Protein backbone atom coordinates (compact mmCIF):
# COMPACT_ATOMS: atom_id res chain seq x y z
CA MET A 1 40.04 85.89 79.14
CA SER A 2 37.04 84.02 80.59
CA SER A 3 37.69 81.09 78.27
CA LEU A 4 41.25 80.86 79.67
CA GLN A 5 39.97 80.89 83.23
CA ASN A 6 37.25 78.27 82.55
CA PRO A 7 38.58 75.84 79.92
CA PRO A 8 35.99 73.54 78.35
CA LEU A 9 35.66 70.10 79.87
CA SER A 10 37.05 67.14 77.96
CA SER A 11 34.71 64.37 76.84
CA ASP A 12 35.94 62.10 79.64
CA ALA A 13 35.41 64.80 82.26
CA ALA A 14 31.98 65.62 80.87
CA GLY A 15 31.06 61.93 80.92
CA ALA A 16 32.26 61.60 84.51
CA GLU A 17 30.22 64.65 85.52
CA THR A 18 27.12 63.21 83.83
CA ARG A 19 27.58 59.88 85.60
CA GLY A 20 28.06 61.71 88.89
CA LEU A 21 24.84 63.66 88.45
CA ARG A 22 22.99 60.50 87.52
CA LEU A 23 24.29 58.79 90.66
CA VAL A 24 23.22 61.74 92.80
CA ARG A 25 19.72 61.62 91.27
CA ILE A 26 19.48 57.97 92.27
CA LEU A 27 21.03 58.25 95.72
CA LEU A 28 19.15 61.30 97.00
CA PRO A 29 15.66 59.71 96.90
CA VAL A 30 17.10 56.53 98.44
CA VAL A 31 18.65 58.52 101.30
CA VAL A 32 15.40 60.42 101.90
CA LEU A 33 13.47 57.13 101.93
CA ALA A 34 15.92 55.56 104.39
CA VAL A 35 15.72 58.57 106.71
CA GLY A 36 11.93 58.52 106.56
CA ILE A 37 11.79 54.81 107.44
CA VAL A 38 14.18 55.29 110.38
CA LEU A 39 12.16 58.23 111.72
CA TRP A 40 8.93 56.27 111.30
CA GLU A 41 10.35 53.34 113.29
CA LEU A 42 11.66 55.65 116.01
CA VAL A 43 8.30 57.41 116.39
CA VAL A 44 6.50 54.07 116.76
CA ARG A 45 9.01 52.64 119.23
CA LEU A 46 9.55 55.73 121.39
CA ASN A 47 5.83 56.40 121.73
CA ASP A 48 4.95 52.71 122.08
CA ILE A 49 2.21 53.03 119.44
CA PRO A 50 0.21 49.79 119.01
CA PRO A 51 0.19 48.19 115.53
CA TYR A 52 -3.57 48.68 115.09
CA VAL A 53 -2.99 52.45 115.30
CA LEU A 54 0.32 52.85 113.45
CA PRO A 55 2.47 49.83 112.61
CA GLY A 56 6.21 50.24 112.25
CA PRO A 57 8.09 49.48 109.03
CA GLY A 58 9.21 46.13 110.46
CA ALA A 59 5.62 45.04 111.11
CA VAL A 60 4.57 46.11 107.62
CA PHE A 61 7.45 44.22 106.01
CA THR A 62 6.73 41.10 108.08
CA THR A 63 3.04 41.23 107.11
CA LEU A 64 3.98 41.68 103.46
CA ILE A 65 6.07 38.52 103.53
CA HIS A 66 3.53 36.51 105.56
CA ASP A 67 0.52 37.51 103.41
CA TRP A 68 2.42 37.60 100.11
CA PRO A 69 0.50 34.74 98.38
CA GLU A 70 -2.87 36.42 98.88
CA LEU A 71 -1.61 39.96 98.32
CA SER A 72 0.23 38.97 95.13
CA ARG A 73 -2.94 37.44 93.67
CA SER A 74 -4.85 40.61 94.47
CA LEU A 75 -2.06 42.69 92.95
CA LEU A 76 -2.22 40.72 89.70
CA THR A 77 -6.01 41.23 89.59
CA THR A 78 -5.62 44.99 90.00
CA LEU A 79 -2.79 45.17 87.46
CA LEU A 80 -4.82 43.22 84.90
CA THR A 81 -7.73 45.61 85.32
CA THR A 82 -5.36 48.56 85.04
CA LEU A 83 -3.82 47.17 81.86
CA GLU A 84 -7.20 46.59 80.24
CA GLY A 85 -8.39 50.08 81.11
CA PHE A 86 -5.11 51.64 79.96
CA VAL A 87 -5.14 49.86 76.60
CA ALA A 88 -8.76 50.85 76.02
CA ALA A 89 -8.02 54.47 77.01
CA SER A 90 -4.95 54.62 74.77
CA ILE A 91 -6.66 53.22 71.68
CA GLY A 92 -9.88 55.14 72.22
CA GLY A 93 -8.18 58.45 73.06
CA VAL A 94 -5.79 58.41 70.09
CA ALA A 95 -8.46 57.20 67.65
CA LEU A 96 -10.99 59.84 68.72
CA ALA A 97 -8.34 62.58 68.61
CA LEU A 98 -7.51 61.57 65.02
CA LEU A 99 -11.19 61.82 64.13
CA PHE A 100 -11.41 65.21 65.81
CA ASN A 101 -8.43 66.41 63.79
CA GLN A 102 -10.04 65.34 60.53
CA SER A 103 -13.45 66.81 61.36
CA LYS A 104 -13.80 70.00 63.40
CA TRP A 105 -17.56 69.55 63.45
CA LEU A 106 -17.08 66.22 65.19
CA GLU A 107 -14.69 67.80 67.68
CA TYR A 108 -17.06 70.65 68.45
CA SER A 109 -19.90 68.14 68.94
CA LEU A 110 -18.20 65.53 71.16
CA PHE A 111 -15.29 67.16 72.98
CA PRO A 112 -17.51 68.90 75.59
CA TYR A 113 -18.92 65.51 76.57
CA ALA A 114 -15.40 64.14 76.99
CA VAL A 115 -14.73 67.04 79.37
CA ILE A 116 -17.93 66.25 81.30
CA LEU A 117 -16.84 62.62 81.57
CA GLN A 118 -13.47 63.74 82.92
CA VAL A 119 -14.71 66.19 85.55
CA THR A 120 -17.37 63.82 86.92
CA PRO A 121 -15.85 61.91 89.88
CA VAL A 122 -15.42 58.25 89.00
CA ILE A 123 -16.49 57.28 92.52
CA ALA A 124 -19.93 58.69 91.63
CA ILE A 125 -20.08 56.81 88.30
CA ALA A 126 -18.88 53.44 89.58
CA PRO A 127 -22.09 52.44 91.46
CA LEU A 128 -24.19 53.13 88.36
CA LEU A 129 -21.87 51.11 86.15
CA LEU A 130 -22.02 48.22 88.62
CA ILE A 131 -25.81 48.21 88.25
CA TYR A 132 -25.90 48.08 84.45
CA LEU A 133 -22.69 46.16 83.61
CA PRO A 134 -21.04 42.94 84.80
CA GLN A 135 -18.75 43.61 87.72
CA GLN A 136 -15.39 43.11 85.96
CA THR A 137 -16.57 45.08 82.92
CA ALA A 138 -17.67 47.95 85.15
CA VAL A 139 -14.30 48.01 86.91
CA VAL A 140 -12.44 48.13 83.58
CA VAL A 141 -14.74 50.90 82.31
CA CYS A 142 -13.91 52.97 85.41
CA ALA A 143 -10.20 52.55 84.72
CA TRP A 144 -10.86 53.54 81.09
CA ILE A 145 -12.85 56.65 82.03
CA VAL A 146 -10.07 58.03 84.24
CA GLY A 147 -7.28 57.35 81.73
CA PHE A 148 -9.14 58.29 78.56
CA PHE A 149 -9.22 62.09 78.73
CA PRO A 150 -5.44 62.75 79.17
CA VAL A 151 -4.72 60.70 76.05
CA LEU A 152 -7.49 62.43 74.08
CA SER A 153 -6.55 65.92 75.26
CA ASN A 154 -2.80 65.56 74.74
CA THR A 155 -3.18 63.91 71.33
CA THR A 156 -5.60 66.59 70.18
CA LEU A 157 -3.22 69.30 71.38
CA GLY A 158 -0.29 67.65 69.61
CA LEU A 159 -2.14 67.28 66.31
CA ASN A 160 -3.18 70.93 66.46
CA SER A 161 0.34 72.17 67.32
CA VAL A 162 1.99 71.49 63.98
CA ASP A 163 4.46 74.11 62.79
CA ARG A 164 2.65 76.49 60.41
CA ASN A 165 5.61 76.77 58.08
CA LEU A 166 5.82 73.00 57.65
CA ASN A 167 2.06 72.83 57.17
CA GLY A 168 2.29 75.48 54.47
CA LEU A 169 5.13 73.56 52.81
CA PHE A 170 3.02 70.40 52.67
CA GLN A 171 0.15 72.39 51.15
CA LEU A 172 2.53 73.92 48.63
CA TYR A 173 3.57 70.49 47.43
CA GLY A 174 -0.04 69.32 47.22
CA ALA A 175 0.07 66.72 50.02
CA SER A 176 -3.19 64.95 50.72
CA ARG A 177 -4.84 65.00 54.15
CA MET A 178 -3.64 61.47 54.89
CA GLN A 179 -0.08 62.34 53.84
CA LYS A 180 -0.09 65.39 56.11
CA LEU A 181 -1.45 63.26 58.94
CA ARG A 182 1.10 60.48 58.46
CA TYR A 183 4.25 62.43 57.71
CA LEU A 184 3.67 65.72 59.55
CA LYS A 185 1.02 65.68 62.24
CA LEU A 186 1.61 62.28 63.84
CA PRO A 187 5.40 62.72 64.21
CA SER A 188 4.84 66.20 65.64
CA ALA A 189 2.18 64.94 68.03
CA LEU A 190 4.14 61.89 69.20
CA PRO A 191 5.73 63.60 72.27
CA PHE A 192 2.28 64.84 73.30
CA ILE A 193 0.79 61.36 72.85
CA LEU A 194 3.52 59.77 74.95
CA GLY A 195 3.03 62.41 77.64
CA GLY A 196 -0.67 61.60 77.74
CA LEU A 197 0.08 57.89 78.00
CA ARG A 198 2.38 58.47 80.99
CA ILE A 199 -0.41 60.31 82.76
CA ALA A 200 -3.04 57.75 81.77
CA GLY A 201 -1.01 54.84 83.14
CA GLY A 202 -1.15 56.07 86.73
CA LEU A 203 -4.73 57.30 86.41
CA SER A 204 -5.88 53.91 85.12
CA LEU A 205 -4.50 52.36 88.30
CA ILE A 206 -6.41 54.94 90.36
CA GLY A 207 -9.61 54.23 88.43
CA ALA A 208 -9.22 50.48 88.96
CA VAL A 209 -8.70 50.96 92.70
CA VAL A 210 -11.73 53.24 93.05
CA ALA A 211 -13.93 50.82 91.11
CA GLU A 212 -12.75 47.86 93.17
CA ILE A 213 -13.61 49.71 96.36
CA ALA A 214 -17.06 50.51 94.98
CA ALA A 215 -17.56 46.89 93.88
CA GLY A 216 -16.48 45.61 97.29
CA SER A 217 -16.57 41.93 96.28
CA ALA A 218 -14.64 39.22 98.12
CA GLY A 219 -13.18 36.01 96.75
CA ALA A 220 -10.21 34.83 94.78
CA GLY A 221 -10.63 37.58 92.19
CA SER A 222 -10.51 40.47 94.64
CA GLY A 223 -8.06 43.28 93.93
CA LEU A 224 -5.79 45.15 96.30
CA ALA A 225 -8.41 47.82 96.92
CA TYR A 226 -10.73 45.26 98.49
CA ARG A 227 -7.86 43.93 100.61
CA ILE A 228 -7.24 47.47 101.89
CA ALA A 229 -10.91 47.95 102.79
CA GLU A 230 -11.08 44.50 104.39
CA SER A 231 -7.98 45.20 106.47
CA GLY A 232 -9.50 48.47 107.68
CA TYR A 233 -12.71 46.74 108.79
CA ARG A 234 -10.67 44.14 110.72
CA LEU A 235 -8.20 46.69 112.13
CA ASN A 236 -5.40 44.76 110.45
CA ILE A 237 -3.50 47.98 109.81
CA PRO A 238 -0.11 46.36 108.98
CA ARG A 239 -1.80 44.49 106.14
CA MET A 240 -3.43 47.70 104.96
CA PHE A 241 -0.02 49.40 104.83
CA ALA A 242 1.45 46.41 102.99
CA ALA A 243 -1.28 46.59 100.34
CA LEU A 244 -0.80 50.36 100.02
CA LEU A 245 2.94 49.79 99.58
CA LEU A 246 2.27 47.34 96.74
CA LEU A 247 -0.05 49.83 95.05
CA SER A 248 2.56 52.59 95.32
CA VAL A 249 5.27 50.37 93.89
CA ALA A 250 2.95 49.30 91.07
CA GLY A 251 2.24 52.94 90.20
CA ILE A 252 5.96 53.79 90.21
CA VAL A 253 6.76 50.82 87.97
CA ILE A 254 3.99 51.73 85.53
CA TYR A 255 5.19 55.32 85.27
CA GLY A 256 8.82 54.21 84.99
CA LEU A 257 8.10 51.78 82.16
CA LEU A 258 6.10 54.37 80.23
CA ALA A 259 8.78 57.02 80.79
CA LEU A 260 11.45 54.59 79.59
CA ALA A 261 9.43 53.75 76.48
CA SER A 262 8.95 57.47 75.77
CA HIS A 263 12.67 58.11 76.18
CA LEU A 264 13.65 55.26 73.87
CA ILE A 265 11.24 56.47 71.18
CA LEU A 266 12.22 60.15 71.35
CA ARG A 267 15.90 60.07 72.30
CA ARG A 268 17.31 60.24 68.76
CA TRP A 269 15.30 63.14 67.39
CA HIS A 270 13.22 65.13 69.89
CA GLU A 271 14.57 67.99 71.98
CA SER A 272 12.88 66.76 75.17
CA ALA A 273 15.01 63.59 75.17
CA LEU A 274 18.22 64.53 73.33
CA GLY A 275 21.27 64.24 75.55
CA LYS A 276 19.28 62.83 78.48
CA GLU A 277 19.90 59.46 80.04
CA ILE A 278 17.64 57.38 82.23
């Protein structure tokens, strides 16, 4: 009786519903953003707030266009540092997790120090690194430190979360340790690894920004973090907001690209991505 009252949707209707939901997911954040910008502008105009206290969206956008050559160079510097730290964190985290999986003694010996490295604020480590390392190397190391642990932790968790029945089947057929790692553990851990990479991408950007603030160097090679600090010292608040906007957009793009890569890799076989569209 219930099946007669609620007939199943046809493929065309189901596709239309999926497209409608996708459109709603895109439009809702855009509407919220538009409302927020309008309210921001109204608050600034109605209260006659000066730009050095709180600039309106128009002032921020104008400053972004006017200072774009300098801000874009700083953005590229920060993104390059982020990329270097992210690549180092990805390679180092996955490689060390593989070693941990092959040797429990090594995991028991080194994993606590990885935890210590993670829980120590990078803002406290950055000044020491700037003393002992060249400036750019120290900034990259800070980005690596922040992004390293999520990759290591997630990869280790994924390698240790293999289905026991499949593991027993591999043992039954006499698979070697490398065969189990290649054909069983790595495929099972891949969603965990990709999740760790998505987290590490944004954290590497945070680490780069913190290290650039600690370095505090001016010049052509200065990143966006220095531009933000410089704008604060000069009370050029519209420029500070413009630099913050670029950092936010950069973080969103980094996460979006990593999420897209994860979806493309997992969409044909893993439950977390089956039937989902980006």
